[in-house]
């Protein structure tokens, strides 16, 4: 099972709230969006900033911090909603097997390492394949598809 790396106080209390406000106003940071997903226990909508990845004509959500609450909720709900400003996209989600993750992780790290690279244990987009394979189990990845 993937480990979980909790956000520090600055991220939790300053950076994420500012990023969420910006995205609510329609201004994402390099493609970031708000993930809305029902809580698996409470049923209440939970929100968190995410960095969707387009790779090989497909879209993915990668969990840089590991097995977070949002990954557990998406897993339980089978999908969620991505939001930027007033635009909402409902999606279904299918979790990716560890064996399929290395090229997706490489693309994610190429795009998002400046924001999330510290959560990958020193592995970057130029790392040998075996290092990507070694960390694959620590980072849930979901292929997402828009639903009507």
N, C-alpha and C. Protein backbone atom coordinates (compact mmCIF):
# COMPACT_ATOMS: atom_id res chain seq x y z
N UNK A 1 0.85 -1.19 0.00
CA UNK A 1 0.00 0.00 0.00
C UNK A 1 0.89 1.24 0.00
N UNK A 2 0.47 2.25 -0.71
CA UNK A 2 1.23 3.49 -0.80
C UNK A 2 1.28 4.19 0.55
N UNK A 3 2.42 4.78 0.85
CA UNK A 3 2.54 5.56 2.09
C UNK A 3 1.85 6.90 1.89
N UNK A 4 1.75 7.68 2.97
CA UNK A 4 1.12 8.99 2.91
C UNK A 4 2.05 10.02 3.51
N UNK A 5 2.27 11.12 2.79
CA UNK A 5 3.09 12.22 3.26
C UNK A 5 2.19 13.43 3.49
N UNK A 6 1.90 13.71 4.75
CA UNK A 6 0.98 14.79 5.11
C UNK A 6 1.57 16.15 4.74
N UNK A 7 0.70 17.11 4.38
CA UNK A 7 1.20 18.46 4.09
C UNK A 7 1.70 19.15 5.36
N UNK A 8 2.73 19.98 5.20
CA UNK A 8 3.20 20.74 6.35
C UNK A 8 2.23 21.88 6.64
N UNK A 9 2.43 22.58 7.75
CA UNK A 9 1.49 23.63 8.18
C UNK A 9 1.39 24.77 7.16
N UNK A 10 2.52 25.17 6.58
CA UNK A 10 2.50 26.25 5.60
C UNK A 10 1.67 25.86 4.38
N UNK A 11 1.86 24.64 3.90
CA UNK A 11 1.08 24.16 2.74
C UNK A 11 -0.40 24.08 3.09
N UNK A 12 -0.70 23.47 4.23
CA UNK A 12 -2.08 23.25 4.64
C UNK A 12 -2.83 24.54 4.94
N UNK A 13 -2.15 25.49 5.59
CA UNK A 13 -2.83 26.69 6.08
C UNK A 13 -2.65 27.94 5.22
N UNK A 14 -1.67 27.92 4.32
CA UNK A 14 -1.43 29.11 3.49
C UNK A 14 -1.50 28.78 2.00
N UNK A 15 -0.58 27.92 1.53
CA UNK A 15 -0.47 27.68 0.09
C UNK A 15 -1.73 27.06 -0.50
N UNK A 16 -2.22 25.94 0.06
CA UNK A 16 -3.40 25.29 -0.51
C UNK A 16 -4.64 26.19 -0.47
N UNK A 17 -4.93 26.91 0.64
CA UNK A 17 -6.09 27.80 0.62
C UNK A 17 -5.99 28.91 -0.44
N UNK A 18 -4.78 29.46 -0.63
CA UNK A 18 -4.61 30.49 -1.67
C UNK A 18 -4.79 29.89 -3.07
N UNK A 19 -4.23 28.71 -3.28
CA UNK A 19 -4.38 28.03 -4.56
C UNK A 19 -5.85 27.70 -4.82
N UNK A 20 -6.55 27.20 -3.80
CA UNK A 20 -7.98 26.87 -3.95
C UNK A 20 -8.78 28.13 -4.29
N UNK A 21 -8.52 29.23 -3.63
CA UNK A 21 -9.23 30.49 -3.92
C UNK A 21 -8.98 30.90 -5.36
N UNK A 22 -7.74 30.84 -5.80
CA UNK A 22 -7.40 31.20 -7.17
C UNK A 22 -8.17 30.32 -8.17
N UNK A 23 -8.23 29.02 -7.90
CA UNK A 23 -8.92 28.11 -8.82
C UNK A 23 -10.43 28.32 -8.78
N UNK A 24 -10.97 28.66 -7.62
CA UNK A 24 -12.41 28.97 -7.54
C UNK A 24 -12.74 30.18 -8.40
N UNK A 25 -11.76 31.09 -8.51
CA UNK A 25 -11.93 32.28 -9.34
C UNK A 25 -11.59 32.01 -10.81
N UNK A 26 -11.20 30.78 -11.14
CA UNK A 26 -10.93 30.41 -12.52
C UNK A 26 -9.49 30.52 -12.95
N UNK A 27 -8.58 30.71 -12.01
CA UNK A 27 -7.16 30.87 -12.33
C UNK A 27 -6.36 29.70 -11.74
N UNK A 28 -6.17 28.66 -12.53
CA UNK A 28 -5.35 27.53 -12.09
C UNK A 28 -3.88 27.84 -12.25
N UNK A 29 -3.05 27.09 -11.58
CA UNK A 29 -1.61 27.24 -11.67
C UNK A 29 -1.07 26.13 -12.55
N UNK A 30 -0.69 26.45 -13.79
CA UNK A 30 -0.12 25.47 -14.73
C UNK A 30 -1.01 24.25 -14.92
N UNK A 31 -2.31 24.44 -14.94
CA UNK A 31 -3.22 23.34 -15.19
C UNK A 31 -3.84 22.73 -13.95
N UNK A 32 -3.49 23.24 -12.77
CA UNK A 32 -4.07 22.69 -11.55
C UNK A 32 -5.57 22.94 -11.52
N UNK A 33 -6.28 22.05 -10.85
CA UNK A 33 -7.74 22.15 -10.72
C UNK A 33 -8.14 21.69 -9.33
N UNK A 34 -9.37 21.93 -8.98
CA UNK A 34 -9.92 21.46 -7.70
C UNK A 34 -10.59 20.12 -7.94
N UNK A 35 -10.20 19.13 -7.15
CA UNK A 35 -10.87 17.84 -7.16
C UNK A 35 -11.99 17.88 -6.13
N UNK A 36 -13.19 17.54 -6.56
CA UNK A 36 -14.33 17.39 -5.66
C UNK A 36 -14.73 15.91 -5.68
N UNK A 37 -14.80 15.31 -4.51
CA UNK A 37 -15.14 13.90 -4.41
C UNK A 37 -15.90 13.67 -3.10
N UNK A 38 -16.93 12.83 -3.13
CA UNK A 38 -17.65 12.57 -1.88
C UNK A 38 -16.77 11.79 -0.90
N UNK A 39 -16.81 12.20 0.36
CA UNK A 39 -16.09 11.46 1.39
C UNK A 39 -16.66 10.06 1.52
N UNK A 40 -15.81 9.08 1.63
CA UNK A 40 -16.27 7.69 1.66
C UNK A 40 -16.98 7.36 2.97
N UNK A 41 -16.75 8.13 4.02
CA UNK A 41 -17.43 7.90 5.31
C UNK A 41 -18.55 8.91 5.53
N UNK A 42 -18.24 10.19 5.31
CA UNK A 42 -19.22 11.25 5.60
C UNK A 42 -20.21 11.47 4.46
N UNK A 43 -19.77 11.19 3.23
CA UNK A 43 -20.59 11.50 2.07
C UNK A 43 -20.54 12.97 1.68
N UNK A 44 -19.94 13.81 2.51
CA UNK A 44 -19.82 15.25 2.22
C UNK A 44 -18.74 15.47 1.16
N UNK A 45 -18.96 16.45 0.30
CA UNK A 45 -17.98 16.75 -0.75
C UNK A 45 -16.68 17.24 -0.14
N UNK A 46 -15.60 16.57 -0.49
CA UNK A 46 -14.26 16.96 -0.07
C UNK A 46 -13.57 17.63 -1.26
N UNK A 47 -12.76 18.65 -1.01
CA UNK A 47 -12.06 19.34 -2.08
C UNK A 47 -10.57 19.40 -1.79
N UNK A 48 -9.79 19.31 -2.86
CA UNK A 48 -8.33 19.35 -2.74
C UNK A 48 -7.75 19.79 -4.09
N UNK A 49 -6.66 20.57 -4.07
CA UNK A 49 -6.02 20.92 -5.34
C UNK A 49 -5.27 19.71 -5.91
N UNK A 50 -5.38 19.51 -7.22
CA UNK A 50 -4.67 18.42 -7.90
C UNK A 50 -4.07 18.94 -9.19
N UNK A 51 -3.14 18.17 -9.73
CA UNK A 51 -2.46 18.51 -10.98
C UNK A 51 -2.77 17.44 -12.02
N UNK A 52 -3.87 17.56 -12.74
CA UNK A 52 -4.17 16.56 -13.76
C UNK A 52 -3.07 16.52 -14.83
N UNK A 53 -2.82 15.32 -15.32
CA UNK A 53 -1.78 15.11 -16.32
C UNK A 53 -2.40 14.57 -17.59
N UNK A 54 -2.08 15.19 -18.72
CA UNK A 54 -2.43 14.63 -20.03
C UNK A 54 -1.18 13.96 -20.56
N UNK A 55 -1.32 12.66 -20.86
CA UNK A 55 -0.18 11.88 -21.33
C UNK A 55 -0.67 10.81 -22.28
N UNK A 56 -0.07 10.73 -23.43
CA UNK A 56 -0.39 9.68 -24.40
C UNK A 56 -1.89 9.64 -24.71
N UNK A 57 -2.46 10.83 -24.92
CA UNK A 57 -3.88 11.01 -25.29
C UNK A 57 -4.85 10.54 -24.20
N UNK A 58 -4.38 10.46 -22.96
CA UNK A 58 -5.23 10.10 -21.83
C UNK A 58 -4.99 11.09 -20.70
N UNK A 59 -5.94 11.10 -19.74
CA UNK A 59 -5.78 11.99 -18.58
C UNK A 59 -5.64 11.16 -17.31
N UNK A 60 -4.81 11.69 -16.40
CA UNK A 60 -4.50 10.98 -15.16
C UNK A 60 -4.50 11.93 -13.97
N UNK A 61 -4.79 11.35 -12.81
CA UNK A 61 -4.54 12.00 -11.54
C UNK A 61 -3.48 11.17 -10.83
N UNK A 62 -2.39 11.82 -10.47
CA UNK A 62 -1.28 11.17 -9.79
C UNK A 62 -1.27 11.70 -8.36
N UNK A 63 -1.04 10.82 -7.39
CA UNK A 63 -0.99 11.21 -5.99
C UNK A 63 0.46 11.31 -5.52
N UNK A 64 1.06 12.50 -5.60
CA UNK A 64 2.45 12.62 -5.20
C UNK A 64 2.68 12.33 -3.72
N UNK A 65 1.69 12.61 -2.89
CA UNK A 65 1.83 12.39 -1.44
C UNK A 65 1.49 10.97 -1.02
N UNK A 66 1.13 10.11 -1.97
CA UNK A 66 0.84 8.72 -1.64
C UNK A 66 -0.64 8.44 -1.45
N UNK A 67 -0.95 7.55 -0.53
CA UNK A 67 -2.33 7.08 -0.32
C UNK A 67 -3.10 8.08 0.54
N UNK A 68 -3.45 9.19 -0.05
CA UNK A 68 -4.11 10.29 0.64
C UNK A 68 -5.60 9.99 0.83
N UNK A 69 -6.27 10.89 1.56
CA UNK A 69 -7.71 10.76 1.70
C UNK A 69 -8.40 10.88 0.34
N UNK A 70 -7.90 11.79 -0.52
CA UNK A 70 -8.59 11.95 -1.81
C UNK A 70 -8.44 10.68 -2.64
N UNK A 71 -7.30 9.98 -2.57
CA UNK A 71 -7.16 8.74 -3.35
C UNK A 71 -8.13 7.69 -2.84
N UNK A 72 -8.29 7.59 -1.53
CA UNK A 72 -9.22 6.63 -0.94
C UNK A 72 -10.65 6.95 -1.33
N UNK A 73 -10.97 8.25 -1.36
CA UNK A 73 -12.32 8.67 -1.73
C UNK A 73 -12.61 8.43 -3.20
N UNK A 74 -11.66 8.73 -4.08
CA UNK A 74 -11.85 8.48 -5.52
C UNK A 74 -12.00 6.98 -5.76
N UNK A 75 -11.18 6.20 -5.09
CA UNK A 75 -11.26 4.74 -5.20
C UNK A 75 -12.66 4.25 -4.81
N UNK A 76 -13.18 4.75 -3.69
CA UNK A 76 -14.49 4.32 -3.19
C UNK A 76 -15.63 4.81 -4.09
N UNK A 77 -15.53 6.05 -4.59
CA UNK A 77 -16.60 6.65 -5.40
C UNK A 77 -16.52 6.24 -6.86
N UNK A 78 -15.35 5.82 -7.32
CA UNK A 78 -15.17 5.46 -8.73
C UNK A 78 -15.06 6.66 -9.63
N UNK A 79 -14.85 7.84 -9.05
CA UNK A 79 -14.72 9.06 -9.85
C UNK A 79 -14.89 10.28 -8.99
N UNK A 80 -15.15 11.40 -9.64
CA UNK A 80 -15.32 12.67 -8.94
C UNK A 80 -15.57 13.77 -9.94
N UNK A 81 -15.22 14.99 -9.56
CA UNK A 81 -15.40 16.16 -10.40
C UNK A 81 -14.14 17.01 -10.34
N UNK A 82 -13.71 17.51 -11.50
CA UNK A 82 -12.63 18.49 -11.56
C UNK A 82 -13.27 19.85 -11.82
N UNK A 83 -12.78 20.84 -11.10
CA UNK A 83 -13.38 22.17 -11.18
C UNK A 83 -12.31 23.23 -11.35
N UNK A 84 -12.62 24.20 -12.21
CA UNK A 84 -11.81 25.41 -12.34
C UNK A 84 -12.78 26.54 -12.61
N UNK A 85 -12.89 27.47 -11.67
CA UNK A 85 -13.90 28.52 -11.78
C UNK A 85 -15.28 27.89 -11.79
N UNK A 86 -16.12 28.30 -12.73
CA UNK A 86 -17.46 27.75 -12.84
C UNK A 86 -17.56 26.49 -13.68
N UNK A 87 -16.44 26.08 -14.28
CA UNK A 87 -16.45 24.89 -15.14
C UNK A 87 -16.22 23.63 -14.30
N UNK A 88 -17.10 22.67 -14.47
CA UNK A 88 -16.99 21.38 -13.77
C UNK A 88 -17.01 20.25 -14.78
N UNK A 89 -16.14 19.26 -14.53
CA UNK A 89 -16.07 18.06 -15.37
C UNK A 89 -16.20 16.84 -14.48
N UNK A 90 -17.29 16.13 -14.62
CA UNK A 90 -17.43 14.86 -13.89
C UNK A 90 -16.61 13.81 -14.60
N UNK A 91 -15.99 12.92 -13.83
CA UNK A 91 -15.16 11.88 -14.43
C UNK A 91 -15.32 10.56 -13.69
N UNK A 92 -15.07 9.50 -14.45
CA UNK A 92 -14.92 8.18 -13.84
C UNK A 92 -13.42 7.92 -13.72
N UNK A 93 -13.04 7.07 -12.77
CA UNK A 93 -11.63 6.83 -12.52
C UNK A 93 -11.34 5.34 -12.44
N UNK A 94 -10.24 4.95 -13.06
CA UNK A 94 -9.77 3.57 -12.99
C UNK A 94 -8.34 3.60 -12.49
N UNK A 95 -8.06 2.88 -11.42
CA UNK A 95 -6.71 2.88 -10.87
C UNK A 95 -5.77 2.10 -11.77
N UNK A 96 -4.56 2.61 -11.91
CA UNK A 96 -3.54 2.03 -12.79
C UNK A 96 -2.68 1.05 -11.99
N UNK A 97 -2.38 -0.08 -12.58
CA UNK A 97 -1.50 -1.08 -11.95
C UNK A 97 -0.07 -0.54 -11.89
N UNK A 98 0.66 -0.96 -10.87
CA UNK A 98 2.04 -0.49 -10.68
C UNK A 98 2.90 -0.69 -11.92
N UNK A 99 2.72 -1.78 -12.62
CA UNK A 99 3.54 -2.08 -13.80
C UNK A 99 3.35 -1.06 -14.92
N UNK A 100 2.20 -0.39 -14.95
CA UNK A 100 1.91 0.60 -15.99
C UNK A 100 2.32 2.02 -15.60
N UNK A 101 2.75 2.23 -14.37
CA UNK A 101 2.99 3.58 -13.85
C UNK A 101 4.27 4.27 -14.32
N UNK A 102 5.41 3.58 -14.54
CA UNK A 102 6.65 4.31 -14.81
C UNK A 102 6.58 5.39 -15.89
N UNK A 103 6.02 5.16 -17.09
CA UNK A 103 6.00 6.25 -18.06
C UNK A 103 5.10 7.42 -17.63
N UNK A 104 4.04 7.11 -16.89
CA UNK A 104 3.14 8.16 -16.39
C UNK A 104 3.86 8.97 -15.31
N UNK A 105 4.55 8.28 -14.41
CA UNK A 105 5.33 8.99 -13.39
C UNK A 105 6.40 9.87 -14.02
N UNK A 106 7.07 9.36 -15.05
CA UNK A 106 8.10 10.14 -15.73
C UNK A 106 7.50 11.43 -16.31
N UNK A 107 6.36 11.32 -16.97
CA UNK A 107 5.70 12.49 -17.55
C UNK A 107 5.23 13.45 -16.46
N UNK A 108 4.68 12.90 -15.38
CA UNK A 108 4.22 13.74 -14.27
C UNK A 108 5.39 14.51 -13.67
N UNK A 109 6.50 13.82 -13.42
CA UNK A 109 7.67 14.48 -12.85
C UNK A 109 8.25 15.53 -13.80
N UNK A 110 8.18 15.28 -15.08
CA UNK A 110 8.67 16.28 -16.04
C UNK A 110 7.83 17.55 -15.95
N UNK A 111 6.51 17.40 -15.78
CA UNK A 111 5.61 18.55 -15.73
C UNK A 111 5.52 19.21 -14.36
N UNK A 112 5.57 18.42 -13.29
CA UNK A 112 5.19 18.92 -11.97
C UNK A 112 6.29 18.81 -10.91
N UNK A 113 7.51 18.43 -11.26
CA UNK A 113 8.56 18.23 -10.25
C UNK A 113 8.83 19.49 -9.44
N UNK A 114 8.71 20.66 -10.05
CA UNK A 114 9.01 21.88 -9.29
C UNK A 114 8.02 22.08 -8.14
N UNK A 115 6.80 21.54 -8.25
CA UNK A 115 5.81 21.67 -7.19
C UNK A 115 5.76 20.45 -6.28
N UNK A 116 5.96 19.26 -6.84
CA UNK A 116 5.73 18.03 -6.06
C UNK A 116 6.91 17.07 -6.04
N UNK A 117 8.02 17.42 -6.67
CA UNK A 117 9.14 16.50 -6.79
C UNK A 117 9.69 15.98 -5.48
N UNK A 118 9.58 16.77 -4.41
CA UNK A 118 10.13 16.35 -3.11
C UNK A 118 9.45 15.11 -2.55
N UNK A 119 8.28 14.76 -3.07
CA UNK A 119 7.54 13.60 -2.55
C UNK A 119 7.93 12.29 -3.25
N UNK A 120 8.88 12.35 -4.16
CA UNK A 120 9.26 11.17 -4.94
C UNK A 120 10.63 10.63 -4.56
N UNK A 121 11.11 10.97 -3.39
CA UNK A 121 12.33 10.38 -2.85
C UNK A 121 13.57 10.59 -3.70
N UNK A 122 13.69 11.75 -4.34
CA UNK A 122 14.86 12.04 -5.14
C UNK A 122 14.80 11.50 -6.57
N UNK A 123 13.72 10.81 -6.91
CA UNK A 123 13.55 10.30 -8.28
C UNK A 123 13.00 11.43 -9.14
N UNK A 124 13.61 11.65 -10.30
CA UNK A 124 13.11 12.68 -11.21
C UNK A 124 12.80 12.08 -12.58
N UNK A 125 12.40 12.91 -13.52
CA UNK A 125 11.97 12.41 -14.83
C UNK A 125 13.10 11.78 -15.64
N UNK A 126 14.35 12.07 -15.28
CA UNK A 126 15.48 11.50 -15.98
C UNK A 126 15.99 10.21 -15.33
N UNK A 127 15.32 9.77 -14.28
CA UNK A 127 15.78 8.58 -13.53
C UNK A 127 15.70 7.33 -14.39
N UNK A 128 16.57 6.35 -14.10
CA UNK A 128 16.47 5.06 -14.81
C UNK A 128 15.13 4.39 -14.51
N UNK A 129 14.69 3.59 -15.43
CA UNK A 129 13.40 2.90 -15.32
C UNK A 129 13.25 2.17 -13.99
N UNK A 130 14.31 1.52 -13.52
CA UNK A 130 14.19 0.73 -12.28
C UNK A 130 13.87 1.60 -11.07
N UNK A 131 14.29 2.86 -11.07
CA UNK A 131 13.94 3.75 -9.95
C UNK A 131 12.45 4.12 -10.00
N UNK A 132 11.93 4.32 -11.20
CA UNK A 132 10.50 4.60 -11.34
C UNK A 132 9.68 3.38 -10.93
N UNK A 133 10.13 2.21 -11.31
CA UNK A 133 9.46 0.97 -10.91
C UNK A 133 9.46 0.85 -9.39
N UNK A 134 10.58 1.20 -8.76
CA UNK A 134 10.72 1.07 -7.31
C UNK A 134 9.75 1.96 -6.54
N UNK A 135 9.41 3.14 -7.07
CA UNK A 135 8.51 4.05 -6.36
C UNK A 135 7.05 3.93 -6.81
N UNK A 136 6.79 3.16 -7.84
CA UNK A 136 5.44 3.08 -8.42
C UNK A 136 4.37 2.73 -7.39
N UNK A 137 4.64 1.81 -6.50
CA UNK A 137 3.66 1.38 -5.52
C UNK A 137 3.34 2.43 -4.46
N UNK A 138 4.18 3.47 -4.37
CA UNK A 138 3.99 4.52 -3.37
C UNK A 138 3.07 5.64 -3.85
N UNK A 139 2.70 5.63 -5.14
CA UNK A 139 1.95 6.74 -5.71
C UNK A 139 0.76 6.24 -6.53
N UNK A 140 -0.44 6.24 -5.92
CA UNK A 140 -1.62 5.85 -6.69
C UNK A 140 -1.80 6.75 -7.92
N UNK A 141 -2.22 6.15 -9.01
CA UNK A 141 -2.52 6.89 -10.24
C UNK A 141 -3.86 6.39 -10.76
N UNK A 142 -4.70 7.34 -11.18
CA UNK A 142 -6.00 7.03 -11.74
C UNK A 142 -6.10 7.57 -13.16
N UNK A 143 -6.55 6.73 -14.10
CA UNK A 143 -6.88 7.22 -15.44
C UNK A 143 -8.30 7.75 -15.32
N UNK A 144 -8.52 8.96 -15.80
CA UNK A 144 -9.84 9.57 -15.68
C UNK A 144 -10.44 9.81 -17.04
N UNK A 145 -11.77 9.63 -17.12
CA UNK A 145 -12.50 9.88 -18.35
C UNK A 145 -13.75 10.67 -18.02
N UNK A 146 -13.99 11.71 -18.80
CA UNK A 146 -15.15 12.56 -18.58
C UNK A 146 -16.43 11.77 -18.83
N UNK A 147 -17.41 11.97 -17.95
CA UNK A 147 -18.73 11.35 -18.10
C UNK A 147 -19.77 12.45 -18.23
N UNK A 148 -20.85 12.13 -18.93
CA UNK A 148 -21.90 13.15 -19.14
C UNK A 148 -22.71 13.39 -17.89
